[in-house]
Structures are given as structure tokens and as C-alpha cells.
N, C-alpha and C. Protein backbone atom coordinates (compact mmCIF):
# COMPACT_ATOMS: atom_id res chain seq x y z
N UNK A 1 9.16 -4.68 -5.46
CA UNK A 1 9.13 -4.22 -6.79
C UNK A 1 7.92 -4.89 -7.52
N UNK A 2 7.19 -4.11 -8.31
CA UNK A 2 6.11 -4.55 -9.03
C UNK A 2 6.56 -5.30 -10.35
N UNK A 3 5.58 -6.06 -10.94
CA UNK A 3 5.98 -6.74 -12.12
C UNK A 3 6.20 -5.82 -13.32
N UNK A 4 5.50 -4.75 -13.39
CA UNK A 4 5.75 -3.75 -14.49
C UNK A 4 7.16 -3.26 -14.39
N UNK A 5 7.66 -3.03 -13.11
CA UNK A 5 8.94 -2.42 -13.12
C UNK A 5 9.95 -3.53 -13.19
N UNK A 6 9.84 -4.76 -12.82
CA UNK A 6 10.64 -5.97 -13.12
C UNK A 6 10.78 -6.09 -14.64
N UNK A 7 9.53 -6.09 -15.27
CA UNK A 7 9.55 -6.24 -16.74
C UNK A 7 10.41 -5.23 -17.43
N UNK A 8 10.23 -3.96 -16.94
CA UNK A 8 10.95 -2.83 -17.49
C UNK A 8 12.46 -2.98 -17.32
N UNK A 9 12.88 -3.39 -16.15
CA UNK A 9 14.26 -3.66 -15.88
C UNK A 9 14.84 -4.78 -16.73
N UNK A 10 14.06 -5.87 -16.87
CA UNK A 10 14.59 -7.15 -17.70
C UNK A 10 14.66 -6.91 -19.13
N UNK A 11 13.91 -5.93 -19.72
CA UNK A 11 13.76 -5.72 -21.11
C UNK A 11 15.11 -5.72 -21.72
N UNK A 12 15.98 -4.93 -21.26
CA UNK A 12 17.41 -4.79 -21.93
C UNK A 12 18.05 -6.15 -21.89
N UNK A 13 17.95 -6.88 -20.85
CA UNK A 13 18.59 -8.20 -20.67
C UNK A 13 18.05 -9.14 -21.66
N UNK A 14 16.68 -9.21 -21.81
CA UNK A 14 16.01 -10.18 -22.53
C UNK A 14 16.18 -9.91 -24.02
N UNK A 15 16.24 -8.58 -24.43
CA UNK A 15 16.35 -8.37 -25.87
C UNK A 15 17.73 -8.82 -26.49
N UNK A 16 18.73 -8.84 -25.55
CA UNK A 16 20.06 -9.36 -25.99
C UNK A 16 19.90 -10.82 -26.44
N UNK A 17 19.08 -11.61 -25.91
CA UNK A 17 18.85 -12.90 -26.29
C UNK A 17 17.68 -13.18 -27.09
N UNK A 18 17.05 -12.13 -27.65
CA UNK A 18 16.05 -12.13 -28.58
C UNK A 18 14.64 -12.79 -27.84
N UNK A 19 14.58 -12.52 -26.57
CA UNK A 19 13.40 -13.02 -25.75
C UNK A 19 12.49 -11.94 -25.58
N UNK A 20 11.21 -12.03 -25.92
CA UNK A 20 10.29 -10.85 -25.83
C UNK A 20 9.04 -11.30 -24.94
N UNK A 21 9.08 -11.66 -23.69
CA UNK A 21 7.85 -11.97 -22.97
C UNK A 21 7.13 -10.73 -22.68
N UNK A 22 5.87 -10.77 -22.69
CA UNK A 22 5.06 -9.67 -22.30
C UNK A 22 4.84 -9.55 -20.86
N UNK A 23 4.17 -8.60 -20.43
CA UNK A 23 3.87 -8.36 -19.11
C UNK A 23 3.06 -9.60 -18.47
N UNK A 24 2.05 -10.05 -19.18
CA UNK A 24 1.19 -11.03 -18.70
C UNK A 24 1.90 -12.34 -18.60
N UNK A 25 2.79 -12.64 -19.63
CA UNK A 25 3.59 -13.93 -19.62
C UNK A 25 4.62 -13.89 -18.41
N UNK A 26 5.16 -12.69 -18.16
CA UNK A 26 6.14 -12.62 -16.96
C UNK A 26 5.42 -12.86 -15.68
N UNK A 27 4.28 -12.40 -15.65
CA UNK A 27 3.35 -12.61 -14.42
C UNK A 27 2.97 -14.05 -14.24
N UNK A 28 2.76 -14.74 -15.30
CA UNK A 28 2.42 -16.13 -15.22
C UNK A 28 3.60 -17.04 -14.88
N UNK A 29 4.78 -16.53 -15.41
CA UNK A 29 5.98 -17.40 -14.98
C UNK A 29 6.31 -17.16 -13.50
N UNK A 30 6.19 -15.85 -12.99
CA UNK A 30 6.53 -15.56 -11.54
C UNK A 30 5.46 -16.30 -10.72
N UNK A 31 4.29 -16.31 -11.07
CA UNK A 31 3.20 -17.02 -10.30
C UNK A 31 3.36 -18.51 -10.37
N UNK A 32 3.79 -19.11 -11.45
CA UNK A 32 4.04 -20.54 -11.58
C UNK A 32 5.16 -21.00 -10.62
N UNK A 33 6.15 -20.13 -10.55
CA UNK A 33 7.34 -20.42 -9.62
C UNK A 33 7.25 -19.74 -8.14
N UNK A 34 6.05 -19.34 -7.81
CA UNK A 34 5.69 -18.69 -6.56
C UNK A 34 6.73 -17.64 -6.13
N UNK A 35 7.00 -16.80 -7.17
CA UNK A 35 7.88 -15.68 -6.92
C UNK A 35 7.22 -14.34 -6.80
N UNK A 36 5.89 -14.38 -6.66
CA UNK A 36 5.06 -13.16 -6.50
C UNK A 36 5.15 -12.68 -5.06
N UNK A 37 5.26 -11.32 -4.87
CA UNK A 37 5.18 -10.85 -3.51
C UNK A 37 3.70 -10.89 -2.96
N UNK A 38 3.50 -11.20 -1.68
CA UNK A 38 2.24 -11.17 -1.16
C UNK A 38 1.63 -9.79 -1.10
N UNK A 39 0.36 -9.64 -1.27
CA UNK A 39 -0.21 -8.33 -1.19
C UNK A 39 -0.33 -7.88 0.24
N UNK A 40 -0.13 -6.66 0.55
CA UNK A 40 -0.26 -6.16 1.95
C UNK A 40 -1.72 -6.08 2.25
N UNK A 41 -2.16 -6.58 3.37
CA UNK A 41 -3.60 -6.52 3.80
C UNK A 41 -3.93 -5.09 4.03
N UNK A 42 -5.04 -4.59 3.58
CA UNK A 42 -5.40 -3.23 3.80
C UNK A 42 -6.03 -3.04 5.25
N UNK A 43 -5.79 -2.04 5.86
CA UNK A 43 -6.17 -1.76 7.29
C UNK A 43 -7.39 -0.85 7.17
N UNK A 44 -8.54 -1.31 7.78
CA UNK A 44 -9.71 -0.48 7.84
C UNK A 44 -9.57 0.70 8.86
N UNK A 45 -9.84 1.83 8.24
CA UNK A 45 -9.76 3.05 9.09
C UNK A 45 -11.18 3.27 9.81
N UNK A 46 -10.97 3.46 11.11
CA UNK A 46 -12.43 3.72 11.91
C UNK A 46 -12.11 4.84 12.73
N UNK A 47 -13.26 5.35 13.30
CA UNK A 47 -13.11 6.47 14.17
C UNK A 47 -13.21 6.01 15.59
N UNK A 48 -12.71 6.70 16.50
CA UNK A 48 -12.74 6.51 17.93
C UNK A 48 -14.19 7.02 18.39
N UNK A 49 -15.01 6.10 18.85
CA UNK A 49 -16.25 6.45 19.19
C UNK A 49 -16.42 6.68 20.68
N UNK A 50 -15.39 6.48 21.54
CA UNK A 50 -15.35 6.69 22.98
C UNK A 50 -14.65 7.89 23.43
N UNK A 51 -14.50 8.85 22.52
CA UNK A 51 -13.73 10.07 22.97
C UNK A 51 -14.72 11.14 23.48
N UNK A 52 -14.15 11.95 24.46
CA UNK A 52 -15.05 13.03 24.98
C UNK A 52 -15.08 14.11 23.92
N UNK A 53 -16.27 14.61 23.85
CA UNK A 53 -16.48 15.69 22.84
C UNK A 53 -15.75 16.87 23.34
N UNK A 54 -14.94 17.49 22.54
CA UNK A 54 -14.26 18.77 22.86
C UNK A 54 -12.96 18.52 23.68
N UNK A 55 -12.71 17.46 24.29
CA UNK A 55 -11.54 17.20 25.09
C UNK A 55 -11.34 18.08 26.35
N UNK A 56 -10.29 18.05 26.96
CA UNK A 56 -10.10 18.79 28.18
C UNK A 56 -10.00 20.30 28.03
N UNK A 57 -9.57 20.76 26.91
CA UNK A 57 -9.52 22.24 26.66
C UNK A 57 -10.93 22.78 26.68
N UNK A 58 -11.78 22.06 25.97
CA UNK A 58 -13.27 22.65 26.00
C UNK A 58 -13.90 22.55 27.39
N UNK A 59 -13.57 21.53 28.16
CA UNK A 59 -14.05 21.45 29.42
C UNK A 59 -13.69 22.45 30.38
N UNK A 60 -12.34 22.88 30.32
CA UNK A 60 -11.90 23.96 31.08
C UNK A 60 -12.51 25.35 30.78
N UNK A 61 -12.94 25.56 29.55
CA UNK A 61 -13.53 26.74 29.19
C UNK A 61 -15.02 26.79 29.70
N UNK A 62 -15.59 25.58 29.83
CA UNK A 62 -17.06 25.54 30.29
C UNK A 62 -16.93 25.80 31.86
N UNK A 63 -15.95 25.39 32.52
CA UNK A 63 -16.02 25.41 34.01
C UNK A 63 -15.43 26.71 34.51
N UNK A 64 -14.64 27.50 33.60
CA UNK A 64 -13.98 28.74 34.00
C UNK A 64 -15.03 29.70 34.69
N UNK A 65 -14.68 30.30 35.77
CA UNK A 65 -15.66 31.22 36.38
C UNK A 65 -15.70 32.55 35.46
N UNK A 66 -16.92 33.20 35.49
CA UNK A 66 -16.94 34.38 34.73
C UNK A 66 -16.41 35.60 35.50
N UNK A 67 -15.78 36.49 34.73
CA UNK A 67 -15.18 37.57 35.55
C UNK A 67 -15.87 38.84 35.14
């Protein structure tokens, strides 16, 4: 769950006690107490460069005898 969503969920609870932390203050508090989720590492998309062009279907068309 992201910080903005947590802030939204906590708004009702916090307003009962007249506490109004902003999004950035909530972020600082979570970071201070090591409660932030780790960001997921992005995976680099690459192409497969060792593939046969056309694959087996194209090869069978090239080898097929003419009728």
C-alpha cells in the first residue's frame, strides 16, 4: 500500500484526535521508523538475439517441394 493510500485511510482516525499530518510528514515518520516498503527493482526488457528468423514454420515453407 502506498503512502498516499495510507494517508487517506488514516485521515478519519487522525481527525478524531485533531491530528493533521500532511503526506510529506507521514512519509518522514515512516522513513524515520524504517516502515517504508522497499521499491521493486525494475527488470530490463531485452530481445532474444539468438532466435532463428521465421522459425520452423517458415523453414518448412522454404523446403516444401513445388507441385
